[in-house]
Amino acid sequence: MASGREMRLRIRSVGNIAQVTRALQAVSASKVRRAQQAALATRPYATQAWAVLRHLSSQPGRNSVHPLLRDREQVRHQLVAVITGDRGLAGAYNINVVRFALDSFRASAVPVSFVIIGRKGRDLISRQRVDIRAEFGGLPSEPEFSDVSAIGRLLVDEFLQGRADQVHVVYTDFVNMLRQVPTAKKLLPLELE
């Protein structure tokens, strides 16, 4: 049986652990709020930018306006950019987006290549027998234009040089902290919704 002194030390130790746990919980809640605000703050810009692109693509003579708006007569190859995380411990986030990407393009009648953004996506997709054109990992949590411009340049170059007749992006659409919906969107040539 433990002595009174040992019991007091154990009680104090449990109290210290509880205090540390509360502090870590407060820090985590703060990080979650910041991430949620950052995700929601980009939505108006992205929505307006997409509306501008849709307006441009709906103009008469769109095929003569810009090479990125030109429809291809025949789709012979598709390129899919899959956006995942670099780290785990995100529940089924990475698995859901990879599964959605593979299921969406597995039945495609034309060859499909993948550009993987995020280490977890690379790890999951590399186990499948699919063509991986490029992979990007280690992006900062708040990337700048210079961090992602190489990805955009690769996708545009593949389309302009004719190695891809369609370019798609697969990502998760943020609904709330518990629900992120895997989504696929055709980027090039621009598709009207």
N, C-alpha and C. Protein backbone atom coordinates (compact mmCIF):
# COMPACT_ATOMS: atom_id res chain seq x y z
N MET A 1 0.85 -1.17 0.00
CA MET A 1 0.00 0.00 0.00
C MET A 1 0.89 1.23 0.00
N ALA A 2 0.50 2.26 -0.77
CA ALA A 2 1.30 3.47 -0.89
C ALA A 2 1.13 4.33 0.35
N SER A 3 2.21 5.00 0.70
CA SER A 3 2.18 5.88 1.87
C SER A 3 1.43 7.17 1.52
N GLY A 4 1.12 7.96 2.52
CA GLY A 4 0.43 9.23 2.32
C GLY A 4 1.23 10.18 1.42
N ARG A 5 2.53 10.18 1.62
CA ARG A 5 3.40 11.07 0.82
C ARG A 5 3.36 10.67 -0.65
N GLU A 6 3.46 9.36 -0.93
CA GLU A 6 3.41 8.88 -2.31
C GLU A 6 2.07 9.22 -2.97
N MET A 7 1.00 9.10 -2.21
CA MET A 7 -0.33 9.42 -2.74
C MET A 7 -0.43 10.91 -3.10
N ARG A 8 0.11 11.78 -2.22
CA ARG A 8 0.08 13.23 -2.52
C ARG A 8 0.89 13.53 -3.77
N LEU A 9 2.04 12.87 -3.96
CA LEU A 9 2.85 13.08 -5.15
C LEU A 9 2.11 12.63 -6.41
N ARG A 10 1.42 11.51 -6.32
CA ARG A 10 0.66 11.02 -7.47
C ARG A 10 -0.49 11.98 -7.81
N ILE A 11 -1.18 12.45 -6.79
CA ILE A 11 -2.28 13.40 -7.01
C ILE A 11 -1.75 14.67 -7.66
N ARG A 12 -0.62 15.17 -7.18
CA ARG A 12 -0.01 16.37 -7.77
C ARG A 12 0.40 16.10 -9.21
N SER A 13 0.95 14.92 -9.48
CA SER A 13 1.38 14.55 -10.83
C SER A 13 0.18 14.51 -11.78
N VAL A 14 -0.93 13.92 -11.36
CA VAL A 14 -2.13 13.87 -12.18
C VAL A 14 -2.66 15.28 -12.42
N GLY A 15 -2.61 16.13 -11.44
CA GLY A 15 -3.03 17.52 -11.60
C GLY A 15 -2.18 18.25 -12.62
N ASN A 16 -0.86 18.00 -12.60
CA ASN A 16 0.04 18.62 -13.57
C ASN A 16 -0.26 18.14 -14.99
N ILE A 17 -0.53 16.84 -15.12
CA ILE A 17 -0.86 16.30 -16.44
C ILE A 17 -2.15 16.93 -16.96
N ALA A 18 -3.14 17.08 -16.10
CA ALA A 18 -4.40 17.70 -16.51
C ALA A 18 -4.18 19.15 -16.95
N GLN A 19 -3.31 19.86 -16.25
CA GLN A 19 -3.03 21.25 -16.60
C GLN A 19 -2.35 21.33 -17.97
N VAL A 20 -1.40 20.46 -18.24
CA VAL A 20 -0.72 20.44 -19.53
C VAL A 20 -1.71 20.08 -20.63
N THR A 21 -2.57 19.11 -20.37
CA THR A 21 -3.57 18.70 -21.36
C THR A 21 -4.50 19.85 -21.71
N ARG A 22 -4.95 20.60 -20.71
CA ARG A 22 -5.83 21.76 -20.98
C ARG A 22 -5.09 22.81 -21.82
N ALA A 23 -3.82 23.04 -21.53
CA ALA A 23 -3.05 24.01 -22.31
C ALA A 23 -2.92 23.56 -23.76
N LEU A 24 -2.63 22.28 -23.99
CA LEU A 24 -2.51 21.77 -25.35
C LEU A 24 -3.85 21.83 -26.08
N GLN A 25 -4.93 21.60 -25.36
CA GLN A 25 -6.26 21.68 -25.96
C GLN A 25 -6.56 23.12 -26.39
N ALA A 26 -6.17 24.09 -25.59
CA ALA A 26 -6.40 25.50 -25.95
C ALA A 26 -5.59 25.88 -27.18
N VAL A 27 -4.33 25.42 -27.25
CA VAL A 27 -3.48 25.71 -28.41
C VAL A 27 -4.08 25.08 -29.67
N SER A 28 -4.53 23.83 -29.55
CA SER A 28 -5.13 23.15 -30.71
C SER A 28 -6.40 23.86 -31.18
N ALA A 29 -7.23 24.27 -30.26
CA ALA A 29 -8.46 24.97 -30.64
C ALA A 29 -8.14 26.28 -31.36
N SER A 30 -7.11 26.96 -30.91
CA SER A 30 -6.69 28.21 -31.57
C SER A 30 -6.21 27.93 -32.99
N LYS A 31 -5.42 26.87 -33.17
CA LYS A 31 -4.93 26.52 -34.51
C LYS A 31 -6.08 26.13 -35.43
N VAL A 32 -7.04 25.41 -34.92
CA VAL A 32 -8.20 25.00 -35.72
C VAL A 32 -8.98 26.23 -36.17
N ARG A 33 -9.22 27.17 -35.26
CA ARG A 33 -9.94 28.40 -35.62
C ARG A 33 -9.20 29.17 -36.71
N ARG A 34 -7.88 29.29 -36.56
CA ARG A 34 -7.09 30.00 -37.58
C ARG A 34 -7.15 29.31 -38.93
N ALA A 35 -7.04 27.98 -38.95
CA ALA A 35 -7.10 27.23 -40.20
C ALA A 35 -8.47 27.37 -40.85
N GLN A 36 -9.52 27.34 -40.05
CA GLN A 36 -10.87 27.48 -40.58
C GLN A 36 -11.08 28.88 -41.15
N GLN A 37 -10.60 29.90 -40.46
CA GLN A 37 -10.72 31.27 -40.96
C GLN A 37 -9.94 31.45 -42.26
N ALA A 38 -8.75 30.84 -42.35
CA ALA A 38 -7.96 30.95 -43.57
C ALA A 38 -8.66 30.27 -44.74
N ALA A 39 -9.25 29.09 -44.48
CA ALA A 39 -9.97 28.38 -45.54
C ALA A 39 -11.17 29.18 -46.02
N LEU A 40 -11.91 29.75 -45.10
CA LEU A 40 -13.10 30.50 -45.47
C LEU A 40 -12.76 31.86 -46.08
N ALA A 41 -11.62 32.43 -45.71
CA ALA A 41 -11.23 33.75 -46.24
C ALA A 41 -10.88 33.68 -47.73
N THR A 42 -10.41 32.54 -48.22
CA THR A 42 -10.03 32.42 -49.63
C THR A 42 -11.23 32.16 -50.53
N ARG A 43 -12.34 31.74 -49.96
CA ARG A 43 -13.50 31.35 -50.75
C ARG A 43 -14.04 32.48 -51.64
N PRO A 44 -14.24 33.72 -51.14
CA PRO A 44 -14.76 34.77 -52.03
C PRO A 44 -13.82 35.06 -53.21
N TYR A 45 -12.53 35.07 -52.97
CA TYR A 45 -11.57 35.32 -54.06
C TYR A 45 -11.65 34.21 -55.10
N ALA A 46 -11.64 32.96 -54.63
CA ALA A 46 -11.67 31.82 -55.55
C ALA A 46 -12.98 31.81 -56.35
N THR A 47 -14.08 32.11 -55.70
CA THR A 47 -15.37 32.13 -56.38
C THR A 47 -15.40 33.21 -57.46
N GLN A 48 -14.89 34.38 -57.14
CA GLN A 48 -14.89 35.47 -58.11
C GLN A 48 -13.93 35.19 -59.26
N ALA A 49 -12.76 34.64 -58.96
CA ALA A 49 -11.79 34.32 -60.01
C ALA A 49 -12.38 33.28 -60.96
N TRP A 50 -13.05 32.28 -60.40
CA TRP A 50 -13.67 31.24 -61.24
C TRP A 50 -14.77 31.85 -62.11
N ALA A 51 -15.54 32.78 -61.55
CA ALA A 51 -16.60 33.43 -62.32
C ALA A 51 -16.01 34.23 -63.49
N VAL A 52 -14.89 34.89 -63.28
CA VAL A 52 -14.23 35.65 -64.35
C VAL A 52 -13.77 34.69 -65.45
N LEU A 53 -13.16 33.58 -65.05
CA LEU A 53 -12.70 32.61 -66.05
C LEU A 53 -13.88 32.01 -66.83
N ARG A 54 -14.96 31.71 -66.14
CA ARG A 54 -16.15 31.17 -66.82
C ARG A 54 -16.71 32.19 -67.82
N HIS A 55 -16.71 33.46 -67.42
CA HIS A 55 -17.20 34.51 -68.32
C HIS A 55 -16.33 34.59 -69.57
N LEU A 56 -15.02 34.54 -69.37
CA LEU A 56 -14.11 34.60 -70.53
C LEU A 56 -14.32 33.42 -71.46
N SER A 57 -14.51 32.24 -70.87
CA SER A 57 -14.65 31.05 -71.71
C SER A 57 -15.98 31.01 -72.44
N SER A 58 -16.97 31.77 -71.98
CA SER A 58 -18.28 31.75 -72.63
C SER A 58 -18.37 32.74 -73.78
N GLN A 59 -17.34 33.52 -73.99
CA GLN A 59 -17.37 34.53 -75.05
C GLN A 59 -17.31 33.86 -76.42
N PRO A 60 -17.97 34.46 -77.42
CA PRO A 60 -17.91 33.92 -78.78
C PRO A 60 -16.46 33.89 -79.27
N GLY A 61 -16.13 32.88 -80.01
CA GLY A 61 -14.78 32.76 -80.55
C GLY A 61 -13.76 32.38 -79.49
N ARG A 62 -14.19 31.67 -78.47
CA ARG A 62 -13.29 31.32 -77.36
C ARG A 62 -12.09 30.51 -77.82
N ASN A 63 -12.27 29.70 -78.88
CA ASN A 63 -11.15 28.88 -79.34
C ASN A 63 -10.04 29.71 -79.96
N SER A 64 -10.33 30.94 -80.36
CA SER A 64 -9.28 31.78 -80.93
C SER A 64 -8.74 32.77 -79.90
N VAL A 65 -9.34 32.82 -78.71
CA VAL A 65 -8.93 33.80 -77.71
C VAL A 65 -7.60 33.44 -77.08
N HIS A 66 -7.51 32.29 -76.48
CA HIS A 66 -6.29 31.90 -75.77
C HIS A 66 -6.13 30.38 -75.86
N PRO A 67 -4.91 29.90 -75.97
CA PRO A 67 -4.70 28.44 -76.10
C PRO A 67 -5.23 27.64 -74.91
N LEU A 68 -5.31 28.24 -73.73
CA LEU A 68 -5.79 27.51 -72.56
C LEU A 68 -7.30 27.33 -72.56
N LEU A 69 -7.99 28.05 -73.45
CA LEU A 69 -9.44 27.93 -73.53
C LEU A 69 -9.89 27.05 -74.69
N ARG A 70 -8.96 26.60 -75.51
CA ARG A 70 -9.31 25.84 -76.70
C ARG A 70 -9.66 24.40 -76.37
N ASP A 71 -10.82 23.98 -76.85
CA ASP A 71 -11.20 22.57 -76.72
C ASP A 71 -10.39 21.74 -77.70
N ARG A 72 -10.03 20.55 -77.30
CA ARG A 72 -9.34 19.63 -78.19
C ARG A 72 -10.37 18.81 -78.95
N GLU A 73 -10.06 18.53 -80.22
CA GLU A 73 -11.00 17.76 -81.04
C GLU A 73 -11.20 16.37 -80.46
N GLN A 74 -10.11 15.78 -80.01
CA GLN A 74 -10.19 14.44 -79.45
C GLN A 74 -9.35 14.39 -78.18
N VAL A 75 -9.90 13.83 -77.13
CA VAL A 75 -9.17 13.69 -75.87
C VAL A 75 -8.42 12.37 -75.91
N ARG A 76 -7.08 12.47 -75.94
CA ARG A 76 -6.24 11.27 -76.00
C ARG A 76 -5.51 11.00 -74.69
N HIS A 77 -5.45 12.02 -73.81
CA HIS A 77 -4.74 11.84 -72.54
C HIS A 77 -5.26 12.85 -71.53
N GLN A 78 -5.41 12.39 -70.28
CA GLN A 78 -5.85 13.28 -69.21
C GLN A 78 -4.76 13.37 -68.15
N LEU A 79 -4.64 14.54 -67.54
CA LEU A 79 -3.71 14.77 -66.45
C LEU A 79 -4.53 15.19 -65.23
N VAL A 80 -4.28 14.54 -64.09
CA VAL A 80 -5.05 14.80 -62.88
C VAL A 80 -4.10 15.22 -61.77
N ALA A 81 -4.33 16.41 -61.21
CA ALA A 81 -3.56 16.88 -60.05
C ALA A 81 -4.36 16.53 -58.80
N VAL A 82 -3.75 15.77 -57.90
CA VAL A 82 -4.41 15.32 -56.68
C VAL A 82 -3.76 16.05 -55.50
N ILE A 83 -4.55 16.79 -54.74
CA ILE A 83 -4.03 17.57 -53.62
C ILE A 83 -4.34 16.84 -52.31
N THR A 84 -3.28 16.45 -51.60
CA THR A 84 -3.41 15.79 -50.31
C THR A 84 -2.52 16.49 -49.30
N GLY A 85 -2.44 15.94 -48.11
CA GLY A 85 -1.61 16.51 -47.06
C GLY A 85 -0.22 15.90 -47.03
N ASP A 86 0.68 16.55 -46.33
CA ASP A 86 2.03 16.03 -46.15
C ASP A 86 2.14 15.14 -44.92
N ARG A 87 1.23 15.32 -43.98
CA ARG A 87 1.30 14.56 -42.73
C ARG A 87 0.02 13.78 -42.52
N GLY A 88 0.09 12.81 -41.66
CA GLY A 88 -1.07 12.00 -41.34
C GLY A 88 -1.85 12.60 -40.19
N LEU A 89 -2.49 11.76 -39.44
CA LEU A 89 -3.30 12.15 -38.29
C LEU A 89 -4.41 13.11 -38.69
N ALA A 90 -4.94 12.92 -39.89
CA ALA A 90 -6.04 13.78 -40.36
C ALA A 90 -7.27 12.92 -40.62
N GLY A 91 -7.40 11.83 -39.91
CA GLY A 91 -8.53 10.95 -40.13
C GLY A 91 -8.46 10.36 -41.52
N ALA A 92 -9.58 10.30 -42.19
CA ALA A 92 -9.64 9.69 -43.52
C ALA A 92 -9.46 10.72 -44.63
N TYR A 93 -9.01 11.92 -44.29
CA TYR A 93 -8.88 13.01 -45.26
C TYR A 93 -8.09 12.58 -46.50
N ASN A 94 -6.86 12.11 -46.31
CA ASN A 94 -6.00 11.76 -47.44
C ASN A 94 -6.52 10.53 -48.19
N ILE A 95 -6.97 9.54 -47.46
CA ILE A 95 -7.47 8.32 -48.10
C ILE A 95 -8.71 8.63 -48.94
N ASN A 96 -9.60 9.46 -48.43
CA ASN A 96 -10.83 9.78 -49.17
C ASN A 96 -10.54 10.49 -50.48
N VAL A 97 -9.63 11.46 -50.46
CA VAL A 97 -9.35 12.20 -51.70
C VAL A 97 -8.63 11.31 -52.71
N VAL A 98 -7.73 10.44 -52.26
CA VAL A 98 -7.03 9.54 -53.17
C VAL A 98 -8.00 8.52 -53.74
N ARG A 99 -8.83 7.93 -52.90
CA ARG A 99 -9.82 6.95 -53.36
C ARG A 99 -10.76 7.59 -54.38
N PHE A 100 -11.21 8.82 -54.10
CA PHE A 100 -12.10 9.53 -55.02
C PHE A 100 -11.41 9.76 -56.37
N ALA A 101 -10.14 10.18 -56.34
CA ALA A 101 -9.40 10.43 -57.58
C ALA A 101 -9.24 9.15 -58.40
N LEU A 102 -8.84 8.07 -57.74
CA LEU A 102 -8.64 6.82 -58.46
C LEU A 102 -9.96 6.27 -59.01
N ASP A 103 -11.01 6.32 -58.20
CA ASP A 103 -12.32 5.82 -58.66
C ASP A 103 -12.88 6.66 -59.80
N SER A 104 -12.67 7.97 -59.73
CA SER A 104 -13.23 8.86 -60.76
C SER A 104 -12.57 8.68 -62.12
N PHE A 105 -11.28 8.35 -62.13
CA PHE A 105 -10.55 8.29 -63.40
C PHE A 105 -10.12 6.89 -63.80
N ARG A 106 -10.43 5.90 -62.98
CA ARG A 106 -10.04 4.52 -63.30
C ARG A 106 -10.77 4.01 -64.55
N ALA A 107 -12.02 4.36 -64.70
CA ALA A 107 -12.83 3.87 -65.82
C ALA A 107 -12.68 4.73 -67.07
N SER A 108 -11.75 5.65 -67.07
CA SER A 108 -11.57 6.54 -68.21
C SER A 108 -11.15 5.75 -69.44
N ALA A 109 -11.70 6.14 -70.59
CA ALA A 109 -11.39 5.45 -71.84
C ALA A 109 -10.02 5.84 -72.39
N VAL A 110 -9.44 6.91 -71.86
CA VAL A 110 -8.13 7.37 -72.32
C VAL A 110 -7.12 7.25 -71.19
N PRO A 111 -5.83 7.21 -71.51
CA PRO A 111 -4.81 7.12 -70.45
C PRO A 111 -4.85 8.34 -69.52
N VAL A 112 -4.55 8.08 -68.25
CA VAL A 112 -4.57 9.13 -67.23
C VAL A 112 -3.23 9.13 -66.51
N SER A 113 -2.66 10.32 -66.35
CA SER A 113 -1.44 10.50 -65.56
C SER A 113 -1.78 11.37 -64.36
N PHE A 114 -1.01 11.22 -63.29
CA PHE A 114 -1.29 11.95 -62.07
C PHE A 114 -0.12 12.85 -61.69
N VAL A 115 -0.45 14.02 -61.17
CA VAL A 115 0.50 14.91 -60.52
C VAL A 115 0.06 14.93 -59.06
N ILE A 116 0.94 14.50 -58.17
CA ILE A 116 0.59 14.34 -56.77
C ILE A 116 1.15 15.51 -55.98
N ILE A 117 0.29 16.15 -55.21
CA ILE A 117 0.71 17.25 -54.35
C ILE A 117 0.45 16.79 -52.92
N GLY A 118 1.52 16.57 -52.17
CA GLY A 118 1.42 16.08 -50.80
C GLY A 118 2.04 14.71 -50.65
N ARG A 119 2.80 14.52 -49.59
CA ARG A 119 3.50 13.25 -49.37
C ARG A 119 2.55 12.08 -49.15
N LYS A 120 1.46 12.30 -48.42
CA LYS A 120 0.54 11.20 -48.15
C LYS A 120 -0.11 10.70 -49.43
N GLY A 121 -0.46 11.60 -50.31
CA GLY A 121 -1.01 11.20 -51.59
C GLY A 121 0.00 10.41 -52.40
N ARG A 122 1.24 10.86 -52.37
CA ARG A 122 2.30 10.14 -53.09
C ARG A 122 2.43 8.73 -52.55
N ASP A 123 2.44 8.59 -51.22
CA ASP A 123 2.59 7.27 -50.61
C ASP A 123 1.42 6.35 -50.97
N LEU A 124 0.21 6.89 -50.96
CA LEU A 124 -0.97 6.07 -51.24
C LEU A 124 -1.10 5.72 -52.72
N ILE A 125 -0.84 6.69 -53.59
CA ILE A 125 -1.03 6.45 -55.03
C ILE A 125 0.11 5.64 -55.62
N SER A 126 1.32 5.77 -55.06
CA SER A 126 2.45 5.03 -55.62
C SER A 126 2.26 3.52 -55.46
N ARG A 127 1.41 3.09 -54.53
CA ARG A 127 1.13 1.66 -54.36
C ARG A 127 0.24 1.13 -55.48
N GLN A 128 -0.49 2.02 -56.12
CA GLN A 128 -1.34 1.63 -57.24
C GLN A 128 -0.48 1.57 -58.49
N ARG A 129 -0.97 0.93 -59.50
CA ARG A 129 -0.21 0.87 -60.75
C ARG A 129 -0.75 1.95 -61.69
N VAL A 130 -0.36 3.21 -61.41
CA VAL A 130 -0.80 4.33 -62.23
C VAL A 130 0.43 5.14 -62.63
N ASP A 131 0.26 5.92 -63.68
CA ASP A 131 1.34 6.77 -64.19
C ASP A 131 1.40 8.05 -63.36
N ILE A 132 2.51 8.24 -62.67
CA ILE A 132 2.71 9.47 -61.89
C ILE A 132 3.67 10.35 -62.67
N ARG A 133 3.16 11.48 -63.14
CA ARG A 133 3.97 12.39 -63.96
C ARG A 133 4.93 13.20 -63.11
N ALA A 134 4.46 13.66 -61.93
CA ALA A 134 5.30 14.45 -61.03
C ALA A 134 4.72 14.39 -59.63
N GLU A 135 5.54 14.73 -58.66
CA GLU A 135 5.07 14.80 -57.28
C GLU A 135 5.71 15.99 -56.58
N PHE A 136 4.91 16.61 -55.74
CA PHE A 136 5.35 17.78 -55.00
C PHE A 136 4.99 17.57 -53.53
N GLY A 137 5.95 17.74 -52.66
CA GLY A 137 5.69 17.59 -51.23
C GLY A 137 6.44 18.66 -50.46
N GLY A 138 6.13 18.76 -49.19
CA GLY A 138 6.84 19.70 -48.34
C GLY A 138 6.44 21.15 -48.54
N LEU A 139 5.24 21.39 -49.05
CA LEU A 139 4.79 22.78 -49.20
C LEU A 139 4.49 23.35 -47.82
N PRO A 140 4.72 24.63 -47.63
CA PRO A 140 4.40 25.24 -46.33
C PRO A 140 2.89 25.25 -46.08
N SER A 141 2.51 25.38 -44.83
CA SER A 141 1.08 25.35 -44.50
C SER A 141 0.34 26.56 -45.06
N GLU A 142 1.03 27.67 -45.25
CA GLU A 142 0.45 28.84 -45.90
C GLU A 142 1.32 29.20 -47.10
N PRO A 143 1.15 28.49 -48.23
CA PRO A 143 2.05 28.67 -49.36
C PRO A 143 1.91 30.03 -50.03
N GLU A 144 3.01 30.50 -50.53
CA GLU A 144 3.06 31.73 -51.34
C GLU A 144 2.95 31.32 -52.81
N PHE A 145 2.81 32.31 -53.68
CA PHE A 145 2.72 32.05 -55.12
C PHE A 145 3.96 31.32 -55.61
N SER A 146 5.12 31.72 -55.11
CA SER A 146 6.37 31.10 -55.56
C SER A 146 6.44 29.62 -55.17
N ASP A 147 5.73 29.22 -54.11
CA ASP A 147 5.74 27.82 -53.68
C ASP A 147 4.94 26.93 -54.63
N VAL A 148 3.88 27.46 -55.22
CA VAL A 148 3.00 26.64 -56.05
C VAL A 148 3.11 26.94 -57.54
N SER A 149 3.90 27.92 -57.92
CA SER A 149 3.98 28.28 -59.33
C SER A 149 4.56 27.15 -60.18
N ALA A 150 5.45 26.34 -59.63
CA ALA A 150 6.02 25.21 -60.38
C ALA A 150 4.93 24.19 -60.73
N ILE A 151 3.99 24.00 -59.83
CA ILE A 151 2.89 23.06 -60.08
C ILE A 151 2.02 23.59 -61.21
N GLY A 152 1.64 24.85 -61.12
CA GLY A 152 0.82 25.45 -62.17
C GLY A 152 1.52 25.46 -63.51
N ARG A 153 2.80 25.77 -63.51
CA ARG A 153 3.57 25.80 -64.75
C ARG A 153 3.60 24.41 -65.40
N LEU A 154 3.79 23.37 -64.58
CA LEU A 154 3.82 22.00 -65.11
C LEU A 154 2.48 21.65 -65.76
N LEU A 155 1.37 21.94 -65.09
CA LEU A 155 0.05 21.61 -65.62
C LEU A 155 -0.22 22.36 -66.93
N VAL A 156 0.10 23.64 -66.95
CA VAL A 156 -0.12 24.44 -68.16
C VAL A 156 0.77 23.96 -69.30
N ASP A 157 2.04 23.69 -69.01
CA ASP A 157 2.97 23.22 -70.05
C ASP A 157 2.52 21.89 -70.65
N GLU A 158 2.06 20.98 -69.80
CA GLU A 158 1.58 19.68 -70.30
C GLU A 158 0.41 19.88 -71.25
N PHE A 159 -0.47 20.82 -70.93
CA PHE A 159 -1.62 21.08 -71.79
C PHE A 159 -1.20 21.77 -73.08
N LEU A 160 -0.38 22.80 -72.97
CA LEU A 160 0.01 23.56 -74.16
C LEU A 160 0.85 22.74 -75.13
N GLN A 161 1.67 21.83 -74.60
CA GLN A 161 2.53 21.02 -75.46
C GLN A 161 1.82 19.77 -75.99
N GLY A 162 0.55 19.61 -75.64
CA GLY A 162 -0.24 18.53 -76.20
C GLY A 162 -0.06 17.18 -75.52
N ARG A 163 0.66 17.13 -74.42
CA ARG A 163 0.83 15.86 -73.70
C ARG A 163 -0.38 15.53 -72.85
N ALA A 164 -1.25 16.52 -72.64
CA ALA A 164 -2.51 16.32 -71.92
C ALA A 164 -3.59 17.12 -72.64
N ASP A 165 -4.68 16.46 -72.96
CA ASP A 165 -5.77 17.14 -73.63
C ASP A 165 -6.79 17.70 -72.65
N GLN A 166 -6.77 17.19 -71.43
CA GLN A 166 -7.60 17.72 -70.35
C GLN A 166 -6.78 17.70 -69.08
N VAL A 167 -6.95 18.72 -68.25
CA VAL A 167 -6.29 18.78 -66.94
C VAL A 167 -7.37 18.93 -65.88
N HIS A 168 -7.35 18.03 -64.91
CA HIS A 168 -8.32 18.04 -63.81
C HIS A 168 -7.58 18.25 -62.50
N VAL A 169 -8.29 18.76 -61.51
CA VAL A 169 -7.73 18.85 -60.16
C VAL A 169 -8.72 18.17 -59.22
N VAL A 170 -8.18 17.37 -58.29
CA VAL A 170 -8.99 16.68 -57.29
C VAL A 170 -8.54 17.21 -55.93
N TYR A 171 -9.48 17.70 -55.16
CA TYR A 171 -9.18 18.30 -53.87
C TYR A 171 -10.37 18.08 -52.95
N THR A 172 -10.28 18.55 -51.72
CA THR A 172 -11.42 18.46 -50.82
C THR A 172 -12.04 19.84 -50.66
N ASP A 173 -13.35 19.88 -50.79
CA ASP A 173 -14.09 21.12 -50.61
C ASP A 173 -14.46 21.22 -49.13
N PHE A 174 -14.01 22.27 -48.48
CA PHE A 174 -14.21 22.45 -47.04
C PHE A 174 -15.65 22.84 -46.77
N VAL A 175 -16.37 21.99 -46.03
CA VAL A 175 -17.73 22.31 -45.60
C VAL A 175 -17.68 22.80 -44.16
N ASN A 176 -17.12 21.99 -43.28
CA ASN A 176 -16.87 22.38 -41.90
C ASN A 176 -15.73 21.50 -41.38
N MET A 177 -15.39 21.63 -40.12
CA MET A 177 -14.23 20.90 -39.60
C MET A 177 -14.43 19.38 -39.64
N LEU A 178 -15.65 18.93 -39.64
CA LEU A 178 -15.90 17.49 -39.65
C LEU A 178 -16.19 16.94 -41.05
N ARG A 179 -16.42 17.83 -41.99
CA ARG A 179 -16.81 17.35 -43.32
C ARG A 179 -16.06 18.10 -44.41
N GLN A 180 -15.24 17.36 -45.15
CA GLN A 180 -14.58 17.87 -46.33
C GLN A 180 -14.93 16.92 -47.47
N VAL A 181 -15.52 17.44 -48.52
CA VAL A 181 -16.04 16.61 -49.61
C VAL A 181 -15.03 16.53 -50.74
N PRO A 182 -14.59 15.33 -51.14
CA PRO A 182 -13.70 15.21 -52.30
C PRO A 182 -14.40 15.72 -53.55
N THR A 183 -13.68 16.52 -54.34
CA THR A 183 -14.26 17.17 -55.51
C THR A 183 -13.28 17.11 -56.67
N ALA A 184 -13.78 16.93 -57.88
CA ALA A 184 -12.96 16.98 -59.09
C ALA A 184 -13.46 18.12 -59.95
N LYS A 185 -12.53 18.88 -60.49
CA LYS A 185 -12.90 20.01 -61.35
C LYS A 185 -11.98 20.00 -62.57
N LYS A 186 -12.57 20.18 -63.74
CA LYS A 186 -11.76 20.26 -64.95
C LYS A 186 -11.21 21.68 -65.07
N LEU A 187 -9.89 21.78 -65.12
CA LEU A 187 -9.25 23.10 -65.23
C LEU A 187 -9.03 23.51 -66.67
N LEU A 188 -8.47 22.61 -67.47
CA LEU A 188 -8.11 22.96 -68.85
C LEU A 188 -8.65 21.91 -69.79
N PRO A 189 -9.23 22.28 -70.89
CA PRO A 189 -9.73 23.63 -71.14
C PRO A 189 -10.85 23.94 -70.18
N LEU A 190 -11.06 25.17 -69.92
CA LEU A 190 -12.03 25.60 -68.92
C LEU A 190 -13.41 25.05 -69.25
N GLU A 191 -14.05 24.49 -68.25
CA GLU A 191 -15.37 23.88 -68.44
C GLU A 191 -16.44 24.74 -67.78
N LEU A 192 -17.48 25.01 -68.50
CA LEU A 192 -18.60 25.76 -67.93
C LEU A 192 -19.44 24.81 -67.09
N GLU A 193 -19.85 25.29 -65.91
CA GLU A 193 -20.65 24.44 -65.02
C GLU A 193 -22.12 24.60 -65.30
